[in-house]
Amino acid sequence: MSDAVPTDTSSKDDDAQAQQEKNTTREGILVRRGQIWEDLDTRQSKRRVVVESVADGEAQVRDHYGTKHSTLSVSRMHRHSTGFRLVEPGELKYGAPTASSDEKTESR
């Protein structure tokens, strides 16, 4: 006879789904490690933070230079005057937004 305890995979799946919902912004963006978010509060002069970890609806972030660490609620991560927006990779490389692949640019 085995002493192994059966695991309930459905409860683990439910926990994982609940975590994912807590870590998703109201705009539907799943917050993940390594993402860069820009503070939209005009008093912060375009401060950017990097997500180091996220759990239970709270993101552990550091400023872009790595000198200051803080906790940021996922509920604040949305486009609002006191919120945050996800920085696109093209903005990091060139410093300005670029047209996405599905947007057509007109050449005249």
PDB file of N, CA and C in Angstrom:
ATOM      1  N   MET A   1       0.838  -1.184   0.000  1.00  0.00           N
ATOM      2  CA  MET A   1       0.000   0.000   0.000  1.00  0.00           C
ATOM      3  C   MET A   1       0.882   1.247   0.000  1.00  0.00           C
ATOM      4  N   SER A   2       0.501   2.253  -0.725  1.00  0.00           N
ATOM      5  CA  SER A   2       1.302   3.469  -0.869  1.00  0.00           C
ATOM      6  C   SER A   2       0.806   4.546   0.097  1.00  0.00           C
ATOM      7  N   ASP A   3       1.745   5.330   0.613  1.00  0.00           N
ATOM      8  CA  ASP A   3       1.390   6.446   1.500  1.00  0.00           C
ATOM      9  C   ASP A   3       1.235   7.756   0.741  1.00  0.00           C
ATOM     10  N   ALA A   4       1.331   7.695  -0.582  1.00  0.00           N
ATOM     11  CA  ALA A   4       1.250   8.904  -1.397  1.00  0.00           C
ATOM     12  C   ALA A   4      -0.138   9.523  -1.281  1.00  0.00           C
ATOM     13  N   VAL A   5      -0.159  10.815  -1.151  1.00  0.00           N
ATOM     14  CA  VAL A   5      -1.408  11.552  -1.051  1.00  0.00           C
ATOM     15  C   VAL A   5      -1.774  12.046  -2.441  1.00  0.00           C
ATOM     16  N   PRO A   6      -2.980  11.764  -2.918  1.00  0.00           N
ATOM     17  CA  PRO A   6      -3.359  12.242  -4.256  1.00  0.00           C
ATOM     18  C   PRO A   6      -3.430  13.772  -4.265  1.00  0.00           C
ATOM     19  N   THR A   7      -2.951  14.335  -5.344  1.00  0.00           N
ATOM     20  CA  THR A   7      -2.995  15.800  -5.465  1.00  0.00           C
ATOM     21  C   THR A   7      -4.224  16.195  -6.248  1.00  0.00           C
ATOM     22  N   ASP A   8      -4.789  17.286  -5.867  1.00  0.00           N
ATOM     23  CA  ASP A   8      -5.983  17.797  -6.539  1.00  0.00           C
ATOM     24  C   ASP A   8      -5.527  18.845  -7.546  1.00  0.00           C
ATOM     25  N   THR A   9      -5.405  18.456  -8.805  1.00  0.00           N
ATOM     26  CA  THR A   9      -4.914  19.379  -9.825  1.00  0.00           C
ATOM     27  C   THR A   9      -5.912  20.484 -10.132  1.00  0.00           C
ATOM     28  N   SER A  10      -7.197  20.227  -9.942  1.00  0.00           N
ATOM     29  CA  SER A  10      -8.187  21.263 -10.233  1.00  0.00           C
ATOM     30  C   SER A  10      -8.043  22.442  -9.279  1.00  0.00           C
ATOM     31  N   SER A  11      -7.708  22.216  -8.021  1.00  0.00           N
ATOM     32  CA  SER A  11      -7.529  23.323  -7.083  1.00  0.00           C
ATOM     33  C   SER A  11      -6.264  24.115  -7.425  1.00  0.00           C
ATOM     34  N   LYS A  12      -5.226  23.426  -7.903  1.00  0.00           N
ATOM     35  CA  LYS A  12      -4.002  24.127  -8.322  1.00  0.00           C
ATOM     36  C   LYS A  12      -4.282  24.995  -9.537  1.00  0.00           C
ATOM     37  N   ASP A  13      -5.084  24.472 -10.475  1.00  0.00           N
ATOM     38  CA  ASP A  13      -5.451  25.248 -11.658  1.00  0.00           C
ATOM     39  C   ASP A  13      -6.268  26.470 -11.266  1.00  0.00           C
ATOM     40  N   ASP A  14      -7.186  26.291 -10.285  1.00  0.00           N
ATOM     41  CA  ASP A  14      -7.998  27.416  -9.811  1.00  0.00           C
ATOM     42  C   ASP A  14      -7.125  28.477  -9.165  1.00  0.00           C
ATOM     43  N   ASP A  15      -6.136  28.051  -8.371  1.00  0.00           N
ATOM     44  CA  ASP A  15      -5.215  28.999  -7.732  1.00  0.00           C
ATOM     45  C   ASP A  15      -4.414  29.763  -8.773  1.00  0.00           C
ATOM     46  N   ALA A  16      -3.932  29.058  -9.781  1.00  0.00           N
ATOM     47  CA  ALA A  16      -3.148  29.700 -10.839  1.00  0.00           C
ATOM     48  C   ALA A  16      -3.998  30.705 -11.598  1.00  0.00           C
ATOM     49  N   GLN A  17      -5.247  30.341 -11.869  1.00  0.00           N
ATOM     50  CA  GLN A  17      -6.143  31.252 -12.576  1.00  0.00           C
ATOM     51  C   GLN A  17      -6.459  32.479 -11.716  1.00  0.00           C
ATOM     52  N   ALA A  18      -6.667  32.277 -10.426  1.00  0.00           N
ATOM     53  CA  ALA A  18      -6.937  33.400  -9.528  1.00  0.00           C
ATOM     54  C   ALA A  18      -5.731  34.338  -9.467  1.00  0.00           C
ATOM     55  N   GLN A  19      -4.522  33.772  -9.419  1.00  0.00           N
ATOM     56  CA  GLN A  19      -3.310  34.593  -9.410  1.00  0.00           C
ATOM     57  C   GLN A  19      -3.211  35.403 -10.696  1.00  0.00           C
ATOM     58  N   GLN A  20      -3.498  34.759 -11.827  1.00  0.00           N
ATOM     59  CA  GLN A  20      -3.412  35.447 -13.111  1.00  0.00           C
ATOM     60  C   GLN A  20      -4.405  36.600 -13.171  1.00  0.00           C
ATOM     61  N   GLU A  21      -5.613  36.394 -12.639  1.00  0.00           N
ATOM     62  CA  GLU A  21      -6.611  37.457 -12.627  1.00  0.00           C
ATOM     63  C   GLU A  21      -6.157  38.623 -11.756  1.00  0.00           C
ATOM     64  N   LYS A  22      -5.554  38.330 -10.603  1.00  0.00           N
ATOM     65  CA  LYS A  22      -5.057  39.392  -9.717  1.00  0.00           C
ATOM     66  C   LYS A  22      -3.925  40.166 -10.364  1.00  0.00           C
ATOM     67  N   ASN A  23      -3.144  39.506 -11.202  1.00  0.00           N
ATOM     68  CA  ASN A  23      -1.970  40.122 -11.812  1.00  0.00           C
ATOM     69  C   ASN A  23      -2.248  40.677 -13.200  1.00  0.00           C
ATOM     70  N   THR A  24      -3.531  40.837 -13.545  1.00  0.00           N
ATOM     71  CA  THR A  24      -3.935  41.389 -14.831  1.00  0.00           C
ATOM     72  C   THR A  24      -4.549  42.761 -14.609  1.00  0.00           C
ATOM     73  N   THR A  25      -4.150  43.738 -15.422  1.00  0.00           N
ATOM     74  CA  THR A  25      -4.679  45.095 -15.288  1.00  0.00           C
ATOM     75  C   THR A  25      -6.111  45.145 -15.792  1.00  0.00           C
ATOM     76  N   ARG A  26      -6.797  46.243 -15.515  1.00  0.00           N
ATOM     77  CA  ARG A  26      -8.178  46.373 -15.981  1.00  0.00           C
ATOM     78  C   ARG A  26      -8.248  46.479 -17.497  1.00  0.00           C
ATOM     79  N   GLU A  27      -7.107  46.782 -18.154  1.00  0.00           N
ATOM     80  CA  GLU A  27      -7.053  46.816 -19.620  1.00  0.00           C
ATOM     81  C   GLU A  27      -6.733  45.447 -20.206  1.00  0.00           C
ATOM     82  N   GLY A  28      -6.543  44.449 -19.337  1.00  0.00           N
ATOM     83  CA  GLY A  28      -6.310  43.088 -19.804  1.00  0.00           C
ATOM     84  C   GLY A  28      -4.851  42.727 -20.022  1.00  0.00           C
ATOM     85  N   ILE A  29      -3.928  43.519 -19.508  1.00  0.00           N
ATOM     86  CA  ILE A  29      -2.499  43.248 -19.663  1.00  0.00           C
ATOM     87  C   ILE A  29      -2.019  42.435 -18.468  1.00  0.00           C
ATOM     88  N   LEU A  30      -1.436  41.278 -18.733  1.00  0.00           N
ATOM     89  CA  LEU A  30      -0.868  40.455 -17.673  1.00  0.00           C
ATOM     90  C   LEU A  30       0.491  41.036 -17.298  1.00  0.00           C
ATOM     91  N   VAL A  31       0.637  41.446 -16.048  1.00  0.00           N
ATOM     92  CA  VAL A  31       1.889  42.045 -15.576  1.00  0.00           C
ATOM     93  C   VAL A  31       2.888  40.928 -15.336  1.00  0.00           C
ATOM     94  N   ARG A  32       4.068  41.061 -15.940  1.00  0.00           N
ATOM     95  CA  ARG A  32       5.103  40.029 -15.848  1.00  0.00           C
ATOM     96  C   ARG A  32       6.442  40.649 -15.499  1.00  0.00           C
ATOM     97  N   ARG A  33       7.328  39.791 -15.021  1.00  0.00           N
ATOM     98  CA  ARG A  33       8.694  40.200 -14.688  1.00  0.00           C
ATOM     99  C   ARG A  33       9.387  40.727 -15.941  1.00  0.00           C
ATOM    100  N   GLY A  34      10.109  41.838 -15.785  1.00  0.00           N
ATOM    101  CA  GLY A  34      10.872  42.411 -16.887  1.00  0.00           C
ATOM    102  C   GLY A  34      10.157  43.501 -17.660  1.00  0.00           C
ATOM    103  N   GLN A  35       8.840  43.633 -17.481  1.00  0.00           N
ATOM    104  CA  GLN A  35       8.114  44.689 -18.188  1.00  0.00           C
ATOM    105  C   GLN A  35       8.519  46.059 -17.646  1.00  0.00           C
ATOM    106  N   ILE A  36       8.462  47.060 -18.514  1.00  0.00           N
ATOM    107  CA  ILE A  36       8.766  48.432 -18.112  1.00  0.00           C
ATOM    108  C   ILE A  36       7.479  49.239 -18.220  1.00  0.00           C
ATOM    109  N   TRP A  37       7.167  49.953 -17.131  1.00  0.00           N
ATOM    110  CA  TRP A  37       5.957  50.758 -17.058  1.00  0.00           C
ATOM    111  C   TRP A  37       6.342  52.209 -16.806  1.00  0.00           C
ATOM    112  N   GLU A  38       5.623  53.122 -17.449  1.00  0.00           N
ATOM    113  CA  GLU A  38       5.879  54.546 -17.293  1.00  0.00           C
ATOM    114  C   GLU A  38       4.797  55.179 -16.433  1.00  0.00           C
ATOM    115  N   ASP A  39       5.219  55.976 -15.458  1.00  0.00           N
ATOM    116  CA  ASP A  39       4.297  56.690 -14.572  1.00  0.00           C
ATOM    117  C   ASP A  39       3.679  57.843 -15.352  1.00  0.00           C
ATOM    118  N   LEU A  40       2.357  57.913 -15.395  1.00  0.00           N
ATOM    119  CA  LEU A  40       1.671  58.969 -16.140  1.00  0.00           C
ATOM    120  C   LEU A  40       1.412  60.213 -15.296  1.00  0.00           C
ATOM    121  N   ASP A  41       1.767  60.174 -14.023  1.00  0.00           N
ATOM    122  CA  ASP A  41       1.619  61.346 -13.153  1.00  0.00           C
ATOM    123  C   ASP A  41       2.631  62.400 -13.614  1.00  0.00           C
ATOM    124  N   THR A  42       2.140  63.568 -13.985  1.00  0.00           N
ATOM    125  CA  THR A  42       3.015  64.610 -14.531  1.00  0.00           C
ATOM    126  C   THR A  42       4.057  65.092 -13.521  1.00  0.00           C
ATOM    127  N   ARG A  43       3.805  64.879 -12.236  1.00  0.00           N
ATOM    128  CA  ARG A  43       4.772  65.298 -11.216  1.00  0.00           C
ATOM    129  C   ARG A  43       5.986  64.384 -11.168  1.00  0.00           C
ATOM    130  N   GLN A  44       5.916  63.223 -11.810  1.00  0.00           N
ATOM    131  CA  GLN A  44       7.009  62.255 -11.767  1.00  0.00           C
ATOM    132  C   GLN A  44       7.962  62.371 -12.964  1.00  0.00           C
ATOM    133  N   SER A  45       7.747  63.294 -13.851  1.00  0.00           N
ATOM    134  CA  SER A  45       8.554  63.533 -15.052  1.00  0.00           C
ATOM    135  C   SER A  45       8.952  62.236 -15.762  1.00  0.00           C
ATOM    136  N   LYS A  46       7.926  61.506 -16.193  1.00  0.00           N
ATOM    137  CA  LYS A  46       8.065  60.294 -17.003  1.00  0.00           C
ATOM    138  C   LYS A  46       8.941  59.229 -16.369  1.00  0.00           C
ATOM    139  N   ARG A  47       8.772  59.025 -15.077  1.00  0.00           N
ATOM    140  CA  ARG A  47       9.501  57.975 -14.361  1.00  0.00           C
ATOM    141  C   ARG A  47       9.121  56.619 -14.932  1.00  0.00           C
ATOM    142  N   ARG A  48      10.111  55.766 -15.102  1.00  0.00           N
ATOM    143  CA  ARG A  48       9.877  54.408 -15.582  1.00  0.00           C
ATOM    144  C   ARG A  48      10.338  53.413 -14.535  1.00  0.00           C
ATOM    145  N   VAL A  49       9.558  52.334 -14.381  1.00  0.00           N
ATOM    146  CA  VAL A  49       9.911  51.285 -13.424  1.00  0.00           C
ATOM    147  C   VAL A  49       9.945  49.945 -14.144  1.00  0.00           C
ATOM    148  N   VAL A  50      10.772  49.038 -13.621  1.00  0.00           N
ATOM    149  CA  VAL A  50      10.910  47.693 -14.168  1.00  0.00           C
ATOM    150  C   VAL A  50      10.307  46.715 -13.157  1.00  0.00           C
ATOM    151  N   VAL A  51       9.449  45.814 -13.618  1.00  0.00           N
ATOM    152  CA  VAL A  51       8.823  44.820 -12.745  1.00  0.00           C
ATOM    153  C   VAL A  51       9.844  43.734 -12.434  1.00  0.00           C
ATOM    154  N   GLU A  52      10.109  43.531 -11.142  1.00  0.00           N
ATOM    155  CA  GLU A  52      11.028  42.468 -10.730  1.00  0.00           C
ATOM    156  C   GLU A  52      10.281  41.192 -10.390  1.00  0.00           C
ATOM    157  N   SER A  53       9.084  41.315  -9.806  1.00  0.00           N
ATOM    158  CA  SER A  53       8.229  40.162  -9.531  1.00  0.00           C
ATOM    159  C   SER A  53       6.809  40.662  -9.326  1.00  0.00           C
ATOM    160  N   VAL A  54       5.862  39.736  -9.468  1.00  0.00           N
ATOM    161  CA  VAL A  54       4.465  40.102  -9.262  1.00  0.00           C
ATOM    162  C   VAL A  54       3.736  38.909  -8.649  1.00  0.00           C
ATOM    163  N   ALA A  55       2.955  39.185  -7.605  1.00  0.00           N
ATOM    164  CA  ALA A  55       2.171  38.152  -6.924  1.00  0.00           C
ATOM    165  C   ALA A  55       1.042  38.812  -6.154  1.00  0.00           C
ATOM    166  N   ASP A  56      -0.096  38.162  -6.120  1.00  0.00           N
ATOM    167  CA  ASP A  56      -1.266  38.628  -5.362  1.00  0.00           C
ATOM    168  C   ASP A  56      -1.660  40.064  -5.687  1.00  0.00           C
ATOM    169  N   GLY A  57      -1.532  40.474  -6.946  1.00  0.00           N
ATOM    170  CA  GLY A  57      -1.955  41.802  -7.353  1.00  0.00           C
ATOM    171  C   GLY A  57      -1.002  42.913  -6.967  1.00  0.00           C
ATOM    172  N   GLU A  58       0.210  42.568  -6.553  1.00  0.00           N
ATOM    173  CA  GLU A  58       1.208  43.581  -6.215  1.00  0.00           C
ATOM    174  C   GLU A  58       2.502  43.296  -6.969  1.00  0.00           C
ATOM    175  N   ALA A  59       3.054  44.330  -7.565  1.00  0.00           N
ATOM    176  CA  ALA A  59       4.293  44.189  -8.317  1.00  0.00           C
ATOM    177  C   ALA A  59       5.439  44.815  -7.528  1.00  0.00           C
ATOM    178  N   GLN A  60       6.515  44.063  -7.403  1.00  0.00           N
ATOM    179  CA  GLN A  60       7.741  44.599  -6.818  1.00  0.00           C
ATOM    180  C   GLN A  60       8.506  45.224  -7.976  1.00  0.00           C
ATOM    181  N   VAL A  61       8.763  46.525  -7.898  1.00  0.00           N
ATOM    182  CA  VAL A  61       9.401  47.235  -9.004  1.00  0.00           C
ATOM    183  C   VAL A  61      10.643  47.964  -8.522  1.00  0.00           C
ATOM    184  N   ARG A  62      11.505  48.283  -9.471  1.00  0.00           N
ATOM    185  CA  ARG A  62      12.653  49.142  -9.198  1.00  0.00           C
ATOM    186  C   ARG A  62      12.635  50.234 -10.250  1.00  0.00           C
ATOM    187  N   ASP A  63      13.215  51.368  -9.912  1.00  0.00           N
ATOM    188  CA  ASP A  63      13.257  52.418 -10.915  1.00  0.00           C
ATOM    189  C   ASP A  63      14.192  51.984 -12.037  1.00  0.00           C
ATOM    190  N   HIS A  64      14.110  52.657 -13.147  1.00  0.00           N
ATOM    191  CA  HIS A  64      14.841  52.257 -14.355  1.00  0.00           C
ATOM    192  C   HIS A  64      16.352  52.189 -14.125  1.00  0.00           C
ATOM    193  N   TYR A  65      16.856  52.951 -13.170  1.00  0.00           N
ATOM    194  CA  TYR A  65      18.294  52.963 -12.890  1.00  0.00           C
ATOM    195  C   TYR A  65      18.690  51.939 -11.831  1.00  0.00           C
ATOM    196  N   GLY A  66      17.707  51.299 -11.189  1.00  0.00           N
ATOM    197  CA  GLY A  66      17.974  50.248 -10.223  1.00  0.00           C
ATOM    198  C   GLY A  66      18.350  50.725  -8.840  1.00  0.00           C
ATOM    199  N   THR A  67      18.093  51.990  -8.527  1.00  0.00           N
ATOM    200  CA  THR A  67      18.505  52.529  -7.234  1.00  0.00           C
ATOM    201  C   THR A  67      17.389  52.528  -6.197  1.00  0.00           C
ATOM    202  N   LYS A  68      16.145  52.508  -6.620  1.00  0.00           N
ATOM    203  CA  LYS A  68      15.030  52.594  -5.683  1.00  0.00           C
ATOM    204  C   LYS A  68      14.037  51.470  -5.951  1.00  0.00           C
ATOM    205  N   HIS A  69      13.643  50.752  -4.890  1.00  0.00           N
ATOM    206  CA  HIS A  69      12.687  49.648  -4.999  1.00  0.00           C
ATOM    207  C   HIS A  69      11.387  50.039  -4.304  1.00  0.00           C
ATOM    208  N   SER A  70      10.270  49.588  -4.860  1.00  0.00           N
ATOM    209  CA  SER A  70       8.977  49.858  -4.237  1.00  0.00           C
ATOM    210  C   SER A  70       7.962  48.808  -4.665  1.00  0.00           C
ATOM    211  N   THR A  71       6.795  48.861  -4.033  1.00  0.00           N
ATOM    212  CA  THR A  71       5.701  47.960  -4.357  1.00  0.00           C
ATOM    213  C   THR A  71       4.616  48.773  -5.045  1.00  0.00           C
ATOM    214  N   LEU A  72       4.089  48.234  -6.122  1.00  0.00           N
ATOM    215  CA  LEU A  72       3.086  48.930  -6.917  1.00  0.00           C
ATOM    216  C   LEU A  72       1.880  48.014  -7.085  1.00  0.00           C
ATOM    217  N   SER A  73       0.708  48.509  -6.784  1.00  0.00           N
ATOM    218  CA  SER A  73      -0.503  47.724  -6.947  1.00  0.00           C
ATOM    219  C   SER A  73      -0.844  47.589  -8.434  1.00  0.00           C
ATOM    220  N   VAL A  74      -1.193  46.383  -8.855  1.00  0.00           N
ATOM    221  CA  VAL A  74      -1.565  46.146 -10.251  1.00  0.00           C
ATOM    222  C   VAL A  74      -2.785  46.985 -10.619  1.00  0.00           C
ATOM    223  N   SER A  75      -3.647  47.277  -9.661  1.00  0.00           N
ATOM    224  CA  SER A  75      -4.842  48.085  -9.936  1.00  0.00           C
ATOM    225  C   SER A  75      -4.492  49.513 -10.373  1.00  0.00           C
ATOM    226  N   ARG A  76      -3.282  49.996 -10.066  1.00  0.00           N
ATOM    227  CA  ARG A  76      -2.849  51.334 -10.508  1.00  0.00           C
ATOM    228  C   ARG A  76      -2.261  51.313 -11.909  1.00  0.00           C
ATOM    229  N   MET A  77      -2.057  50.136 -12.441  1.00  0.00           N
ATOM    230  CA  MET A  77      -1.380  50.014 -13.731  1.00  0.00           C
ATOM    231  C   MET A  77      -2.397  50.064 -14.867  1.00  0.00           C
ATOM    232  N   HIS A  78      -2.843  51.280 -15.171  1.00  0.00           N
ATOM    233  CA  HIS A  78      -3.769  51.532 -16.266  1.00  0.00           C
ATOM    234  C   HIS A  78      -3.602  52.970 -16.693  1.00  0.00           C
ATOM    235  N   ARG A  79      -4.078  53.277 -17.892  1.00  0.00           N
ATOM    236  CA  ARG A  79      -3.926  54.637 -18.428  1.00  0.00           C
ATOM    237  C   ARG A  79      -4.872  55.593 -17.698  1.00  0.00           C
ATOM    238  N   HIS A  80      -4.295  56.398 -16.840  1.00  0.00           N
ATOM    239  CA  HIS A  80      -5.032  57.393 -16.071  1.00  0.00           C
ATOM    240  C   HIS A  80      -4.012  58.444 -15.657  1.00  0.00           C
ATOM    241  N   SER A  81      -4.455  59.611 -15.275  1.00  0.00           N
ATOM    242  CA  SER A  81      -3.518  60.680 -14.926  1.00  0.00           C
ATOM    243  C   SER A  81      -2.603  60.314 -13.768  1.00  0.00           C
ATOM    244  N   THR A  82      -3.027  59.389 -12.911  1.00  0.00           N
ATOM    245  CA  THR A  82      -2.160  58.948 -11.806  1.00  0.00           C
ATOM    246  C   THR A  82      -1.781  57.478 -11.954  1.00  0.00           C
ATOM    247  N   GLY A  83      -1.970  56.936 -13.156  1.00  0.00           N
ATOM    248  CA  GLY A  83      -1.688  55.522 -13.394  1.00  0.00           C
ATOM    249  C   GLY A  83      -0.356  55.297 -14.095  1.00  0.00           C
ATOM    250  N   PHE A  84      -0.242  54.130 -14.706  1.00  0.00           N
ATOM    251  CA  PHE A  84       0.955  53.732 -15.422  1.00  0.00           C
ATOM    252  C   PHE A  84       0.554  53.156 -16.766  1.00  0.00           C
ATOM    253  N   ARG A  85       1.472  53.188 -17.729  1.00  0.00           N
ATOM    254  CA  ARG A  85       1.236  52.548 -19.018  1.00  0.00           C
ATOM    255  C   ARG A  85       2.427  51.664 -19.348  1.00  0.00           C
ATOM    256  N   LEU A  86       2.166  50.574 -20.055  1.00  0.00           N
ATOM    257  CA  LEU A  86       3.212  49.654 -20.459  1.00  0.00           C
ATOM    258  C   LEU A  86       4.014  50.290 -21.585  1.00  0.00           C
ATOM    259  N   VAL A  87       5.329  50.314 -21.433  1.00  0.00           N
ATOM    260  CA  VAL A  87       6.208  50.896 -22.435  1.00  0.00           C
ATOM    261  C   VAL A  87       6.466  49.849 -23.511  1.00  0.00           C
ATOM    262  N   GLU A  88       6.308  50.243 -24.757  1.00  0.00           N
ATOM    263  CA  GLU A  88       6.528  49.336 -25.878  1.00  0.00           C
ATOM    264  C   GLU A  88       8.026  49.184 -26.136  1.00  0.00           C
ATOM    265  N   PRO A  89       8.466  48.025 -26.620  1.00  0.00           N
ATOM    266  CA  PRO A  89       9.896  47.808 -26.885  1.00  0.00           C
ATOM    267  C   PRO A  89      10.511  48.824 -27.844  1.00  0.00           C
ATOM    268  N   GLY A  90       9.773  49.285 -28.840  1.00  0.00           N
ATOM    269  CA  GLY A  90      10.295  50.265 -29.788  1.00  0.00           C
ATOM    270  C   GLY A  90      10.641  51.591 -29.128  1.00  0.00           C
ATOM    271  N   GLU A  91       9.921  51.940 -28.087  1.00  0.00           N
ATOM    272  CA  GLU A  91      10.190  53.185 -27.374  1.00  0.00           C
ATOM    273  C   GLU A  91      11.511  53.118 -26.626  1.00  0.00           C
ATOM    274  N   LEU A  92      11.871  51.939 -26.152  1.00  0.00           N
ATOM    275  CA  LEU A  92      13.113  51.787 -25.408  1.00  0.00           C
ATOM    276  C   LEU A  92      14.311  51.935 -26.319  1.00  0.00           C
ATOM    277  N   LYS A  93      14.217  51.374 -27.505  1.00  0.00           N
ATOM    278  CA  LYS A  93      15.357  51.380 -28.413  1.00  0.00           C
ATOM    279  C   LYS A  93      15.607  52.771 -28.999  1.00  0.00           C
ATOM    280  N   TYR A  94      14.541  53.446 -29.380  1.00  0.00           N
ATOM    281  CA  TYR A  94      14.695  54.716 -30.076  1.00  0.00           C
ATOM    282  C   TYR A  94      14.244  55.928 -29.280  1.00  0.00           C
ATOM    283  N   GLY A  95      13.589  55.722 -28.163  1.00  0.00           N
ATOM    284  CA  GLY A  95      13.165  56.827 -27.321  1.00  0.00           C
ATOM    285  C   GLY A  95      11.854  57.458 -27.734  1.00  0.00           C
ATOM    286  N   ALA A  96      11.281  57.026 -28.852  1.00  0.00           N
ATOM    287  CA  ALA A  96      10.009  57.569 -29.311  1.00  0.00           C
ATOM    288  C   ALA A  96       9.143  56.434 -29.818  1.00  0.00           C
ATOM    289  N   PRO A  97       7.827  56.580 -29.705  1.00  0.00           N
ATOM    290  CA  PRO A  97       6.947  55.517 -30.178  1.00  0.00           C
ATOM    291  C   PRO A  97       7.138  55.269 -31.675  1.00  0.00           C
ATOM    292  N   THR A  98       7.024  54.007 -32.060  1.00  0.00           N
ATOM    293  CA  THR A  98       7.115  53.648 -33.472  1.00  0.00           C
ATOM    294  C   THR A  98       5.804  53.025 -33.891  1.00  0.00           C
ATOM    295  N   ALA A  99       5.520  53.027 -35.197  1.00  0.00           N
ATOM    296  CA  ALA A  99       4.294  52.421 -35.701  1.00  0.00           C
ATOM    297  C   ALA A  99       4.401  50.914 -35.563  1.00  0.00           C
ATOM    298  N   SER A 100       3.321  50.296 -35.111  1.00  0.00           N
ATOM    299  CA  SER A 100       3.330  48.843 -34.979  1.00  0.00           C
ATOM    300  C   SER A 100       3.192  48.213 -36.357  1.00  0.00           C
ATOM    301  N   SER A 101       3.441  46.939 -36.456  1.00  0.00           N
ATOM    302  CA  SER A 101       3.453  46.258 -37.746  1.00  0.00           C
ATOM    303  C   SER A 101       2.088  46.264 -38.427  1.00  0.00           C
ATOM    304  N   ASP A 102       1.005  46.348 -37.641  1.00  0.00           N
ATOM    305  CA  ASP A 102      -0.322  46.346 -38.255  1.00  0.00           C
ATOM    306  C   ASP A 102      -0.794  47.753 -38.615  1.00  0.00           C
ATOM    307  N   GLU A 103      -0.045  48.773 -38.271  1.00  0.00           N
ATOM    308  CA  GLU A 103      -0.372  50.133 -38.675  1.00  0.00           C
ATOM    309  C   GLU A 103       0.406  50.462 -39.946  1.00  0.00           C
ATOM    310  N   LYS A 104      -0.296  51.003 -40.906  1.00  0.00           N
ATOM    311  CA  LYS A 104       0.368  51.339 -42.166  1.00  0.00           C
ATOM    312  C   LYS A 104       0.767  52.814 -42.118  1.00  0.00           C
ATOM    313  N   THR A 105       1.963  53.077 -42.576  1.00  0.00           N
ATOM    314  CA  THR A 105       2.421  54.473 -42.649  1.00  0.00           C
ATOM    315  C   THR A 105       2.320  54.921 -44.101  1.00  0.00           C
ATOM    316  N   GLU A 106       1.910  56.158 -44.277  1.00  0.00           N
ATOM    317  CA  GLU A 106       1.770  56.690 -45.619  1.00  0.00           C
ATOM    318  C   GLU A 106       3.077  57.336 -46.044  1.00  0.00           C
ATOM    319  N   SER A 107       3.499  57.054 -47.276  1.00  0.00           N
ATOM    320  CA  SER A 107       4.697  57.710 -47.792  1.00  0.00           C
ATOM    321  C   SER A 107       4.273  58.613 -48.945  1.00  0.00           C
ATOM    322  N   ARG A 108       4.685  59.859 -48.837  1.00  0.00           N
ATOM    323  CA  ARG A 108       4.286  60.844 -49.862  1.00  0.00           C
ATOM    324  C   ARG A 108       5.498  61.463 -50.446  1.00  0.00           C
TER     325      ARG A 108
END
